[in-house]
Amino acid sequence: MKVGVFSCKPYDKAMLESANSDGHLSYTFIEEPLTPLTAIACHDFDAVCIFVNDKVCGETVRALADAGVSHIALRCAGYNNVDVDEAKKLGLRVSRVPAYSPHTVAEHALALILTLNRKTHKAYNRVKEGNFDIQGLQGFTLHGKTVGIVGTGRIGQAVARILSGFGCTLLCYDPMPAQSVKALGASYTDLQTLLSTSHIITLHCPLNEGSYHLINEETIAQMRDGVMLINTSRGGLVNTQAVIKGLKSKKIGYLGLDVYEMESELFFRDHSLEIIQDDEFERLASFHNVLITGHQGFFTQEAMQEIAAVTVANIRMPGENNDNFLAP
């Protein structure tokens, strides 16, 4: 089978080639993202392999179908960037990797929490310059704090287990409560109670019509003063302008992001020699109490190996991996 791999980085190539050791798949590695324009050139491919910021709208899906592509294989869990209904209508298979190493993203969420709180990134820079003054580096004790977990799927459950070990009080919001989370002593509640009670709020829910801009001016107003907000899920969960207002008013005391609403124009590329044109991102990055990483929560050796193995299996044996398929 011939597979076009879009938004491909050297680490993607290495892992996908390793997972295809028998050479059953023939890859063409493409650094550019999949868009309606690049989809037109997919006539040589039986399948395309895509990532989180490829733009697989209806126009792209139709172009793929016209080119003879029969399978859209996501090497990630989220699929909000794919018009699944159009793919179903045209008979294109759509697969994803729904359950790769949830601990990986959960641990990154915790890294953001601890770094923002104890300001280790600032301390590192000070000590490198010979400055051992700890003024301004004071944090708070995580033990005993109330943490609100929005979404208790596999990643949210992993976050709950970690924070339970820190001695935190856990409040959760999810329409489908997990018994394993309840067993930790966590309590499920409504969103308003979670927002108003939690010292830390961490987002682990999918992006869809119901969750788009879940964090907005209204929901921020319900939060405790000085709340810590963490998002390692999808950028569209957070209204960027509302969060900037929340930071300026000090309603939000700490903000940790591994995802960003307009990240497709920025993330996974080197812009260090450019003038970044996104004024909202630049304003976010200017706050001393904001920590942004470039969507690297998934990026561990173990997770990458699993993502590659499942993606290759989805393409090679679609009939044997039905739980991973969204269409047709």
C-alpha atoms as a PDB file:
ATOM      1  CA  MET A   1       0.000   0.000   0.000  1.00  0.00           C
ATOM      2  CA  LYS A   2       1.167   3.502  -0.797  1.00  0.00           C
ATOM      3  CA  VAL A   3       0.798   5.986   2.064  1.00  0.00           C
ATOM      4  CA  GLY A   4       1.328   9.747   2.004  1.00  0.00           C
ATOM      5  CA  VAL A   5       2.484  10.917   5.446  1.00  0.00           C
ATOM      6  CA  PHE A   6       1.690  14.614   5.926  1.00  0.00           C
ATOM      7  CA  SER A   7       3.061  17.087   8.503  1.00  0.00           C
ATOM      8  CA  CYS A   8       5.952  14.681   8.838  1.00  0.00           C
ATOM      9  CA  LYS A   9       8.937  15.351  11.087  1.00  0.00           C
ATOM     10  CA  PRO A  10      12.134  13.254  11.379  1.00  0.00           C
ATOM     11  CA  TYR A  11      10.814  11.551  14.521  1.00  0.00           C
ATOM     12  CA  ASP A  12       7.590  10.571  12.711  1.00  0.00           C
ATOM     13  CA  LYS A  13       9.600   9.053   9.880  1.00  0.00           C
ATOM     14  CA  ALA A  14      11.828   7.068  12.235  1.00  0.00           C
ATOM     15  CA  MET A  15       8.958   5.614  14.251  1.00  0.00           C
ATOM     16  CA  LEU A  16       6.723   4.809  11.263  1.00  0.00           C
ATOM     17  CA  GLU A  17       9.579   3.093   9.430  1.00  0.00           C
ATOM     18  CA  SER A  18      10.387   1.051  12.527  1.00  0.00           C
ATOM     19  CA  ALA A  19       6.746  -0.055  12.805  1.00  0.00           C
ATOM     20  CA  ASN A  20       6.799  -1.098   9.125  1.00  0.00           C
ATOM     21  CA  SER A  21       9.855  -3.351   9.342  1.00  0.00           C
ATOM     22  CA  ASP A  22       8.512  -5.837   6.768  1.00  0.00           C
ATOM     23  CA  GLY A  23       8.055  -3.094   4.187  1.00  0.00           C
ATOM     24  CA  HIS A  24       4.352  -3.818   3.593  1.00  0.00           C
ATOM     25  CA  LEU A  25       3.630  -0.089   3.400  1.00  0.00           C
ATOM     26  CA  SER A  26       5.369   2.267   0.991  1.00  0.00           C
ATOM     27  CA  TYR A  27       5.669   5.738   2.510  1.00  0.00           C
ATOM     28  CA  THR A  28       6.026   9.140   0.923  1.00  0.00           C
ATOM     29  CA  PHE A  29       7.026  11.579   3.676  1.00  0.00           C
ATOM     30  CA  ILE A  30       5.737  15.147   3.212  1.00  0.00           C
ATOM     31  CA  GLU A  31       6.618  18.007   5.552  1.00  0.00           C
ATOM     32  CA  GLU A  32       3.680  20.172   4.467  1.00  0.00           C
ATOM     33  CA  PRO A  33       0.248  19.741   6.076  1.00  0.00           C
ATOM     34  CA  LEU A  34      -2.683  18.148   4.325  1.00  0.00           C
ATOM     35  CA  THR A  35      -5.020  20.845   2.994  1.00  0.00           C
ATOM     36  CA  PRO A  36      -7.522  21.055   0.132  1.00  0.00           C
ATOM     37  CA  LEU A  37      -4.629  22.170  -2.095  1.00  0.00           C
ATOM     38  CA  THR A  38      -2.164  19.423  -1.200  1.00  0.00           C
ATOM     39  CA  ALA A  39      -4.927  16.790  -1.289  1.00  0.00           C
ATOM     40  CA  ILE A  40      -5.230  17.300  -5.039  1.00  0.00           C
ATOM     41  CA  ALA A  41      -1.771  15.750  -5.458  1.00  0.00           C
ATOM     42  CA  CYS A  42      -2.623  12.484  -3.672  1.00  0.00           C
ATOM     43  CA  HIS A  43      -3.349  10.362  -6.764  1.00  0.00           C
ATOM     44  CA  ASP A  44      -0.474   7.978  -5.982  1.00  0.00           C
ATOM     45  CA  PHE A  45      -1.688   7.142  -2.477  1.00  0.00           C
ATOM     46  CA  ASP A  46      -4.021   4.459  -1.206  1.00  0.00           C
ATOM     47  CA  ALA A  47      -4.048   6.145   2.217  1.00  0.00           C
ATOM     48  CA  VAL A  48      -2.940   9.373   3.846  1.00  0.00           C
ATOM     49  CA  CYS A  49      -1.524   9.603   7.363  1.00  0.00           C
ATOM     50  CA  ILE A  50      -2.208  12.895   9.127  1.00  0.00           C
ATOM     51  CA  PHE A  51      -1.683  14.722  12.417  1.00  0.00           C
ATOM     52  CA  VAL A  52      -3.598  17.122  14.696  1.00  0.00           C
ATOM     53  CA  ASN A  53      -3.311  20.305  12.640  1.00  0.00           C
ATOM     54  CA  ASP A  54      -3.905  18.963   9.136  1.00  0.00           C
ATOM     55  CA  LYS A  55      -7.030  20.559   7.649  1.00  0.00           C
ATOM     56  CA  VAL A  56      -9.266  17.708   6.563  1.00  0.00           C
ATOM     57  CA  CYS A  57     -12.444  19.687   5.908  1.00  0.00           C
ATOM     58  CA  GLY A  58     -15.132  18.588   3.478  1.00  0.00           C
ATOM     59  CA  GLU A  59     -13.224  20.079   0.551  1.00  0.00           C
ATOM     60  CA  THR A  60     -10.106  18.131   1.483  1.00  0.00           C
ATOM     61  CA  VAL A  61     -12.070  14.894   1.887  1.00  0.00           C
ATOM     62  CA  ARG A  62     -13.678  15.329  -1.527  1.00  0.00           C
ATOM     63  CA  ALA A  63     -10.295  15.993  -3.119  1.00  0.00           C
ATOM     64  CA  LEU A  64      -8.908  12.833  -1.503  1.00  0.00           C
ATOM     65  CA  ALA A  65     -11.860  10.791  -2.753  1.00  0.00           C
ATOM     66  CA  ASP A  66     -11.408  12.179  -6.272  1.00  0.00           C
ATOM     67  CA  ALA A  67      -7.721  11.205  -6.090  1.00  0.00           C
ATOM     68  CA  GLY A  68      -8.604   7.617  -5.206  1.00  0.00           C
ATOM     69  CA  VAL A  69      -7.534   7.696  -1.554  1.00  0.00           C
ATOM     70  CA  SER A  70      -9.556   5.234   0.518  1.00  0.00           C
ATOM     71  CA  HIS A  71      -8.209   5.701   4.054  1.00  0.00           C
ATOM     72  CA  ILE A  72      -7.462   8.712   6.291  1.00  0.00           C
ATOM     73  CA  ALA A  73      -5.279   7.478   9.156  1.00  0.00           C
ATOM     74  CA  LEU A  74      -4.782   9.876  12.058  1.00  0.00           C
ATOM     75  CA  ARG A  75      -1.676   9.316  14.171  1.00  0.00           C
ATOM     76  CA  CYS A  76      -3.381  10.955  17.168  1.00  0.00           C
ATOM     77  CA  ALA A  77      -6.510  10.578  19.276  1.00  0.00           C
ATOM     78  CA  GLY A  78      -8.394  13.792  18.468  1.00  0.00           C
ATOM     79  CA  TYR A  79     -10.259  14.075  15.180  1.00  0.00           C
ATOM     80  CA  ASN A  80     -11.943  17.483  15.409  1.00  0.00           C
ATOM     81  CA  ASN A  81      -9.937  18.544  12.325  1.00  0.00           C
ATOM     82  CA  VAL A  82     -11.623  15.889  10.136  1.00  0.00           C
ATOM     83  CA  ASP A  83     -15.040  16.086   8.473  1.00  0.00           C
ATOM     84  CA  VAL A  84     -15.990  12.536   9.442  1.00  0.00           C
ATOM     85  CA  ASP A  85     -19.535  12.839   8.057  1.00  0.00           C
ATOM     86  CA  GLU A  86     -18.231  13.733   4.604  1.00  0.00           C
ATOM     87  CA  ALA A  87     -15.783  10.843   4.749  1.00  0.00           C
ATOM     88  CA  LYS A  88     -18.604   8.458   5.660  1.00  0.00           C
ATOM     89  CA  LYS A  89     -20.711   9.765   2.801  1.00  0.00           C
ATOM     90  CA  LEU A  90     -17.892   9.188   0.317  1.00  0.00           C
ATOM     91  CA  GLY A  91     -16.884   5.813   1.756  1.00  0.00           C
ATOM     92  CA  LEU A  92     -13.429   6.788   3.054  1.00  0.00           C
ATOM     93  CA  ARG A  93     -12.202   4.941   6.141  1.00  0.00           C
ATOM     94  CA  VAL A  94     -11.091   7.192   9.013  1.00  0.00           C
ATOM     95  CA  SER A  95      -8.984   5.717  11.800  1.00  0.00           C
ATOM     96  CA  ARG A  96      -7.248   7.139  14.854  1.00  0.00           C
ATOM     97  CA  VAL A  97      -5.139   6.126  17.864  1.00  0.00           C
ATOM     98  CA  PRO A  98      -7.629   6.593  20.709  1.00  0.00           C
ATOM     99  CA  ALA A  99      -5.702   5.248  23.690  1.00  0.00           C
ATOM    100  CA  TYR A 100      -1.953   5.755  23.356  1.00  0.00           C
ATOM    101  CA  SER A 101      -0.095   6.081  26.673  1.00  0.00           C
ATOM    102  CA  PRO A 102      -2.499   8.312  28.639  1.00  0.00           C
ATOM    103  CA  HIS A 103       0.155   8.638  31.337  1.00  0.00           C
ATOM    104  CA  THR A 104       2.329  10.595  28.890  1.00  0.00           C
ATOM    105  CA  VAL A 105      -0.071  13.539  28.579  1.00  0.00           C
ATOM    106  CA  ALA A 106      -1.060  13.294  32.235  1.00  0.00           C
ATOM    107  CA  GLU A 107       2.568  13.614  33.319  1.00  0.00           C
ATOM    108  CA  HIS A 108       3.006  16.667  31.082  1.00  0.00           C
ATOM    109  CA  ALA A 109      -0.035  18.291  32.695  1.00  0.00           C
ATOM    110  CA  LEU A 110       1.572  17.703  36.071  1.00  0.00           C
ATOM    111  CA  ALA A 111       4.860  19.156  34.788  1.00  0.00           C
ATOM    112  CA  LEU A 112       3.022  22.354  33.857  1.00  0.00           C
ATOM    113  CA  ILE A 113       1.349  22.495  37.282  1.00  0.00           C
ATOM    114  CA  LEU A 114       4.598  22.010  39.218  1.00  0.00           C
ATOM    115  CA  THR A 115       6.640  24.339  37.020  1.00  0.00           C
ATOM    116  CA  LEU A 116       4.099  27.167  37.209  1.00  0.00           C
ATOM    117  CA  ASN A 117       3.720  26.732  40.956  1.00  0.00           C
ATOM    118  CA  ARG A 118       7.355  26.366  42.030  1.00  0.00           C
ATOM    119  CA  LYS A 119       8.718  28.513  39.165  1.00  0.00           C
ATOM    120  CA  THR A 120      11.542  26.111  38.436  1.00  0.00           C
ATOM    121  CA  HIS A 121      11.960  27.535  34.934  1.00  0.00           C
ATOM    122  CA  LYS A 122      12.637  30.977  36.399  1.00  0.00           C
ATOM    123  CA  ALA A 123      14.944  29.564  39.090  1.00  0.00           C
ATOM    124  CA  TYR A 124      16.938  27.712  36.431  1.00  0.00           C
ATOM    125  CA  ASN A 125      17.534  30.901  34.452  1.00  0.00           C
ATOM    126  CA  ARG A 126      18.507  32.845  37.590  1.00  0.00           C
ATOM    127  CA  VAL A 127      21.053  30.279  38.759  1.00  0.00           C
ATOM    128  CA  LYS A 128      22.575  30.029  35.261  1.00  0.00           C
ATOM    129  CA  GLU A 129      23.285  33.770  35.577  1.00  0.00           C
ATOM    130  CA  GLY A 130      24.683  33.447  39.087  1.00  0.00           C
ATOM    131  CA  ASN A 131      21.560  34.849  40.759  1.00  0.00           C
ATOM    132  CA  PHE A 132      20.576  32.802  43.811  1.00  0.00           C
ATOM    133  CA  ASP A 133      17.939  35.200  45.155  1.00  0.00           C
ATOM    134  CA  ILE A 134      14.634  33.385  45.750  1.00  0.00           C
ATOM    135  CA  GLN A 135      12.517  36.530  46.035  1.00  0.00           C
ATOM    136  CA  GLY A 136       9.500  36.130  43.711  1.00  0.00           C
ATOM    137  CA  LEU A 137       9.802  32.349  43.479  1.00  0.00           C
ATOM    138  CA  GLN A 138       7.387  31.461  46.268  1.00  0.00           C
ATOM    139  CA  GLY A 139       4.828  28.785  45.406  1.00  0.00           C
ATOM    140  CA  PHE A 140       2.138  26.923  47.319  1.00  0.00           C
ATOM    141  CA  THR A 141       1.891  23.437  48.772  1.00  0.00           C
ATOM    142  CA  LEU A 142       0.042  21.181  46.338  1.00  0.00           C
ATOM    143  CA  HIS A 143      -0.961  18.751  49.080  1.00  0.00           C
ATOM    144  CA  GLY A 144      -4.501  19.499  50.259  1.00  0.00           C
ATOM    145  CA  LYS A 145      -5.446  21.725  47.324  1.00  0.00           C
ATOM    146  CA  THR A 146      -8.653  21.130  45.376  1.00  0.00           C
ATOM    147  CA  VAL A 147      -8.071  20.206  41.735  1.00  0.00           C
ATOM    148  CA  GLY A 148     -10.898  20.196  39.204  1.00  0.00           C
ATOM    149  CA  ILE A 149     -10.518  17.653  36.399  1.00  0.00           C
ATOM    150  CA  VAL A 150     -12.753  18.377  33.407  1.00  0.00           C
ATOM    151  CA  GLY A 151     -13.038  15.115  31.493  1.00  0.00           C
ATOM    152  CA  THR A 152     -12.173  11.765  33.051  1.00  0.00           C
ATOM    153  CA  GLY A 153     -11.401   9.610  30.067  1.00  0.00           C
ATOM    154  CA  ARG A 154      -8.131   7.691  30.025  1.00  0.00           C
ATOM    155  CA  ILE A 155      -5.956  10.801  30.382  1.00  0.00           C
ATOM    156  CA  GLY A 156      -8.181  12.410  33.003  1.00  0.00           C
ATOM    157  CA  GLN A 157      -8.125   9.171  34.994  1.00  0.00           C
ATOM    158  CA  ALA A 158      -4.315   9.101  34.847  1.00  0.00           C
ATOM    159  CA  VAL A 159      -4.215  12.715  36.068  1.00  0.00           C
ATOM    160  CA  ALA A 160      -6.534  11.798  38.939  1.00  0.00           C
ATOM    161  CA  ARG A 161      -4.288   8.936  40.026  1.00  0.00           C
ATOM    162  CA  ILE A 162      -1.204  11.172  40.020  1.00  0.00           C
ATOM    163  CA  LEU A 163      -2.835  14.022  41.911  1.00  0.00           C
ATOM    164  CA  SER A 164      -4.379  11.626  44.402  1.00  0.00           C
ATOM    165  CA  GLY A 165      -0.825  10.609  45.243  1.00  0.00           C
ATOM    166  CA  PHE A 166      -0.008  14.246  45.947  1.00  0.00           C
ATOM    167  CA  GLY A 167      -2.821  14.374  48.494  1.00  0.00           C
ATOM    168  CA  CYS A 168      -5.106  16.658  46.495  1.00  0.00           C
ATOM    169  CA  THR A 169      -8.877  16.832  46.835  1.00  0.00           C
ATOM    170  CA  LEU A 170     -10.307  15.877  43.449  1.00  0.00           C
ATOM    171  CA  LEU A 171     -13.474  17.286  41.870  1.00  0.00           C
ATOM    172  CA  CYS A 172     -14.474  15.907  38.479  1.00  0.00           C
ATOM    173  CA  TYR A 173     -16.896  16.843  35.733  1.00  0.00           C
ATOM    174  CA  ASP A 174     -17.834  14.285  33.083  1.00  0.00           C
ATOM    175  CA  PRO A 175     -21.223  13.037  31.813  1.00  0.00           C
ATOM    176  CA  MET A 176     -19.867   9.476  32.158  1.00  0.00           C
ATOM    177  CA  PRO A 177     -18.275   9.120  35.622  1.00  0.00           C
ATOM    178  CA  ALA A 178     -15.441   6.609  35.937  1.00  0.00           C
ATOM    179  CA  GLN A 179     -15.612   4.127  38.807  1.00  0.00           C
ATOM    180  CA  SER A 180     -11.811   4.017  38.989  1.00  0.00           C
ATOM    181  CA  VAL A 181     -11.780   7.756  39.720  1.00  0.00           C
ATOM    182  CA  LYS A 182     -14.497   7.456  42.357  1.00  0.00           C
ATOM    183  CA  ALA A 183     -12.419   4.715  43.991  1.00  0.00           C
ATOM    184  CA  LEU A 184      -9.645   7.282  44.511  1.00  0.00           C
ATOM    185  CA  GLY A 185     -12.028   9.343  46.649  1.00  0.00           C
ATOM    186  CA  ALA A 186     -12.794  11.876  43.912  1.00  0.00           C
ATOM    187  CA  SER A 187     -16.219  13.506  43.748  1.00  0.00           C
ATOM    188  CA  TYR A 188     -18.196  14.172  40.577  1.00  0.00           C
ATOM    189  CA  THR A 189     -20.041  17.470  40.506  1.00  0.00           C
ATOM    190  CA  ASP A 190     -21.525  20.018  38.115  1.00  0.00           C
ATOM    191  CA  LEU A 191     -19.232  22.297  36.145  1.00  0.00           C
ATOM    192  CA  GLN A 192     -20.154  25.474  38.049  1.00  0.00           C
ATOM    193  CA  THR A 193     -19.275  23.895  41.400  1.00  0.00           C
ATOM    194  CA  LEU A 194     -15.991  22.611  40.035  1.00  0.00           C
ATOM    195  CA  LEU A 195     -15.080  26.023  38.634  1.00  0.00           C
ATOM    196  CA  SER A 196     -15.945  27.936  41.791  1.00  0.00           C
ATOM    197  CA  THR A 197     -14.252  25.527  44.206  1.00  0.00           C
ATOM    198  CA  SER A 198     -11.025  24.402  42.518  1.00  0.00           C
ATOM    199  CA  HIS A 199      -7.606  25.945  43.130  1.00  0.00           C
ATOM    200  CA  ILE A 200      -6.398  24.231  39.946  1.00  0.00           C
ATOM    201  CA  ILE A 201      -8.495  23.359  36.878  1.00  0.00           C
ATOM    202  CA  THR A 202      -7.096  20.977  34.266  1.00  0.00           C
ATOM    203  CA  LEU A 203      -8.854  20.194  30.971  1.00  0.00           C
ATOM    204  CA  HIS A 204      -8.928  16.668  29.540  1.00  0.00           C
ATOM    205  CA  CYS A 205     -12.050  16.589  27.374  1.00  0.00           C
ATOM    206  CA  PRO A 206     -12.426  16.291  23.589  1.00  0.00           C
ATOM    207  CA  LEU A 207     -13.166  19.301  21.403  1.00  0.00           C
ATOM    208  CA  ASN A 208     -16.638  19.266  19.869  1.00  0.00           C
ATOM    209  CA  GLU A 209     -19.597  21.616  19.415  1.00  0.00           C
ATOM    210  CA  GLY A 210     -20.538  21.314  23.064  1.00  0.00           C
ATOM    211  CA  SER A 211     -17.052  21.930  24.472  1.00  0.00           C
ATOM    212  CA  TYR A 212     -15.858  24.665  22.080  1.00  0.00           C
ATOM    213  CA  HIS A 213     -14.798  27.685  24.171  1.00  0.00           C
ATOM    214  CA  LEU A 214     -15.785  25.874  27.355  1.00  0.00           C
ATOM    215  CA  ILE A 215     -13.480  28.353  29.051  1.00  0.00           C
ATOM    216  CA  ASN A 216     -14.912  31.786  28.292  1.00  0.00           C
ATOM    217  CA  GLU A 217     -15.687  35.057  30.073  1.00  0.00           C
ATOM    218  CA  GLU A 218     -18.712  33.577  31.837  1.00  0.00           C
ATOM    219  CA  THR A 219     -16.988  30.442  33.095  1.00  0.00           C
ATOM    220  CA  ILE A 220     -13.829  32.343  34.075  1.00  0.00           C
ATOM    221  CA  ALA A 221     -15.961  34.700  36.173  1.00  0.00           C
ATOM    222  CA  GLN A 222     -17.167  31.650  38.157  1.00  0.00           C
ATOM    223  CA  MET A 223     -13.607  30.625  39.102  1.00  0.00           C
ATOM    224  CA  ARG A 224     -11.728  31.361  42.313  1.00  0.00           C
ATOM    225  CA  ASP A 225      -9.490  34.431  42.263  1.00  0.00           C
ATOM    226  CA  GLY A 226      -5.940  33.426  41.330  1.00  0.00           C
ATOM    227  CA  VAL A 227      -6.948  30.030  39.896  1.00  0.00           C
ATOM    228  CA  MET A 228      -4.445  27.912  37.977  1.00  0.00           C
ATOM    229  CA  LEU A 229      -5.761  26.795  34.573  1.00  0.00           C
ATOM    230  CA  ILE A 230      -4.100  23.964  32.619  1.00  0.00           C
ATOM    231  CA  ASN A 231      -4.966  22.837  29.074  1.00  0.00           C
ATOM    232  CA  THR A 232      -3.191  19.868  27.497  1.00  0.00           C
ATOM    233  CA  SER A 233      -6.215  18.739  25.470  1.00  0.00           C
ATOM    234  CA  ARG A 234      -7.306  20.952  22.537  1.00  0.00           C
ATOM    235  CA  GLY A 235      -6.775  24.668  22.010  1.00  0.00           C
ATOM    236  CA  GLY A 236     -10.376  25.354  21.012  1.00  0.00           C
ATOM    237  CA  LEU A 237     -11.575  24.550  24.533  1.00  0.00           C
ATOM    238  CA  VAL A 238     -10.263  27.955  25.601  1.00  0.00           C
ATOM    239  CA  ASN A 239     -11.344  31.380  24.355  1.00  0.00           C
ATOM    240  CA  THR A 240      -7.982  33.127  24.112  1.00  0.00           C
ATOM    241  CA  GLN A 241      -9.315  36.677  24.419  1.00  0.00           C
ATOM    242  CA  ALA A 242     -11.298  35.756  27.533  1.00  0.00           C
ATOM    243  CA  VAL A 243      -8.213  34.169  29.125  1.00  0.00           C
ATOM    244  CA  ILE A 244      -6.133  37.282  28.407  1.00  0.00           C
ATOM    245  CA  LYS A 245      -8.783  39.371  30.175  1.00  0.00           C
ATOM    246  CA  GLY A 246      -8.743  36.891  33.055  1.00  0.00           C
ATOM    247  CA  LEU A 247      -4.973  37.194  33.374  1.00  0.00           C
ATOM    248  CA  LYS A 248      -5.100  40.989  33.288  1.00  0.00           C
ATOM    249  CA  SER A 249      -7.760  41.081  36.010  1.00  0.00           C
ATOM    250  CA  LYS A 250      -5.785  38.506  38.068  1.00  0.00           C
ATOM    251  CA  LYS A 251      -8.774  36.172  38.151  1.00  0.00           C
ATOM    252  CA  ILE A 252      -6.411  33.677  36.509  1.00  0.00           C
ATOM    253  CA  GLY A 253      -3.233  33.518  38.562  1.00  0.00           C
ATOM    254  CA  TYR A 254      -1.434  30.848  36.529  1.00  0.00           C
ATOM    255  CA  LEU A 255      -1.933  29.537  32.994  1.00  0.00           C
ATOM    256  CA  GLY A 256      -0.310  26.436  31.520  1.00  0.00           C
ATOM    257  CA  LEU A 257      -0.953  25.585  27.869  1.00  0.00           C
ATOM    258  CA  ASP A 258       0.354  22.780  25.699  1.00  0.00           C
ATOM    259  CA  VAL A 259      -2.238  23.609  23.048  1.00  0.00           C
ATOM    260  CA  TYR A 260      -3.444  26.859  21.540  1.00  0.00           C
ATOM    261  CA  GLU A 261      -6.568  27.861  19.638  1.00  0.00           C
ATOM    262  CA  MET A 262      -4.650  28.984  16.524  1.00  0.00           C
ATOM    263  CA  GLU A 263      -1.710  26.623  16.877  1.00  0.00           C
ATOM    264  CA  SER A 264      -1.907  25.252  13.339  1.00  0.00           C
ATOM    265  CA  GLU A 265      -0.202  28.428  12.117  1.00  0.00           C
ATOM    266  CA  LEU A 266       2.608  28.208  14.688  1.00  0.00           C
ATOM    267  CA  PHE A 267       3.274  24.863  16.314  1.00  0.00           C
ATOM    268  CA  PHE A 268       5.660  22.138  15.109  1.00  0.00           C
ATOM    269  CA  ARG A 269       7.755  24.640  13.130  1.00  0.00           C
ATOM    270  CA  ASP A 270      10.737  26.897  13.906  1.00  0.00           C
ATOM    271  CA  HIS A 271       9.750  30.585  13.864  1.00  0.00           C
ATOM    272  CA  SER A 272      12.771  31.825  15.802  1.00  0.00           C
ATOM    273  CA  LEU A 273      14.007  33.999  12.918  1.00  0.00           C
ATOM    274  CA  GLU A 274      10.561  35.388  12.096  1.00  0.00           C
ATOM    275  CA  ILE A 275       8.250  38.062  13.455  1.00  0.00           C
ATOM    276  CA  ILE A 276       5.266  36.177  14.825  1.00  0.00           C
ATOM    277  CA  GLN A 277       2.109  37.781  13.444  1.00  0.00           C
ATOM    278  CA  ASP A 278      -0.328  36.327  15.977  1.00  0.00           C
ATOM    279  CA  ASP A 279      -0.884  39.219  18.399  1.00  0.00           C
ATOM    280  CA  GLU A 280      -3.017  37.160  20.787  1.00  0.00           C
ATOM    281  CA  PHE A 281      -0.321  34.526  21.162  1.00  0.00           C
ATOM    282  CA  GLU A 282       2.332  37.176  21.698  1.00  0.00           C
ATOM    283  CA  ARG A 283       0.184  38.827  24.377  1.00  0.00           C
ATOM    284  CA  LEU A 284      -0.291  35.488  26.120  1.00  0.00           C
ATOM    285  CA  ALA A 285       3.429  34.774  26.029  1.00  0.00           C
ATOM    286  CA  SER A 286       4.198  38.180  27.576  1.00  0.00           C
ATOM    287  CA  PHE A 287       2.634  37.317  30.958  1.00  0.00           C
ATOM    288  CA  HIS A 288       5.108  36.229  33.631  1.00  0.00           C
ATOM    289  CA  ASN A 289       2.621  33.683  35.005  1.00  0.00           C
ATOM    290  CA  VAL A 290       1.954  31.914  31.698  1.00  0.00           C
ATOM    291  CA  LEU A 291       3.819  28.806  30.566  1.00  0.00           C
ATOM    292  CA  ILE A 292       3.319  27.585  26.982  1.00  0.00           C
ATOM    293  CA  THR A 293       4.751  24.441  25.422  1.00  0.00           C
ATOM    294  CA  GLY A 294       4.340  23.588  21.749  1.00  0.00           C
ATOM    295  CA  HIS A 295       1.963  20.604  21.877  1.00  0.00           C
ATOM    296  CA  GLN A 296       4.580  18.201  23.193  1.00  0.00           C
ATOM    297  CA  GLY A 297       2.438  16.470  25.806  1.00  0.00           C
ATOM    298  CA  PHE A 298       2.312  13.302  23.673  1.00  0.00           C
ATOM    299  CA  PHE A 299       6.030  13.350  22.885  1.00  0.00           C
ATOM    300  CA  THR A 300       7.733  10.478  24.675  1.00  0.00           C
ATOM    301  CA  GLN A 301       9.533   7.516  23.153  1.00  0.00           C
ATOM    302  CA  GLU A 302       6.965   5.062  24.487  1.00  0.00           C
ATOM    303  CA  ALA A 303       3.979   7.038  23.208  1.00  0.00           C
ATOM    304  CA  MET A 304       5.529   7.585  19.779  1.00  0.00           C
ATOM    305  CA  GLN A 305       6.227   3.863  19.399  1.00  0.00           C
ATOM    306  CA  GLU A 306       2.659   3.018  20.330  1.00  0.00           C
ATOM    307  CA  ILE A 307       1.195   5.674  18.019  1.00  0.00           C
ATOM    308  CA  ALA A 308       3.252   4.371  15.092  1.00  0.00           C
ATOM    309  CA  ALA A 309       2.403   0.724  15.771  1.00  0.00           C
ATOM    310  CA  VAL A 310      -1.357   1.355  16.032  1.00  0.00           C
ATOM    311  CA  THR A 311      -1.389   3.670  12.992  1.00  0.00           C
ATOM    312  CA  VAL A 312       0.385   1.076  10.839  1.00  0.00           C
ATOM    313  CA  ALA A 313      -1.966  -1.662  12.091  1.00  0.00           C
ATOM    314  CA  ASN A 314      -4.995   0.501  11.275  1.00  0.00           C
ATOM    315  CA  ILE A 315      -3.791   0.972   7.694  1.00  0.00           C
ATOM    316  CA  ARG A 316      -2.733  -2.642   7.139  1.00  0.00           C
ATOM    317  CA  MET A 317      -5.639  -4.463   8.809  1.00  0.00           C
ATOM    318  CA  PRO A 318      -8.638  -2.121   9.047  1.00  0.00           C
ATOM    319  CA  GLY A 319     -11.096  -4.946   9.577  1.00  0.00           C
ATOM    320  CA  GLU A 320      -9.305  -6.088  12.724  1.00  0.00           C
ATOM    321  CA  ASN A 321      -9.235  -2.708  14.499  1.00  0.00           C
ATOM    322  CA  ASN A 322     -12.867  -1.637  14.439  1.00  0.00           C
ATOM    323  CA  ASP A 323     -12.685   0.222  17.748  1.00  0.00           C
ATOM    324  CA  ASN A 324     -10.174   2.615  16.196  1.00  0.00           C
ATOM    325  CA  PHE A 325     -12.362   3.531  13.216  1.00  0.00           C
ATOM    326  CA  LEU A 326     -14.716   6.487  12.921  1.00  0.00           C
ATOM    327  CA  ALA A 327     -15.840   5.861   9.349  1.00  0.00           C
ATOM    328  CA  PRO A 328     -17.396   4.474   7.305  1.00  0.00           C
END
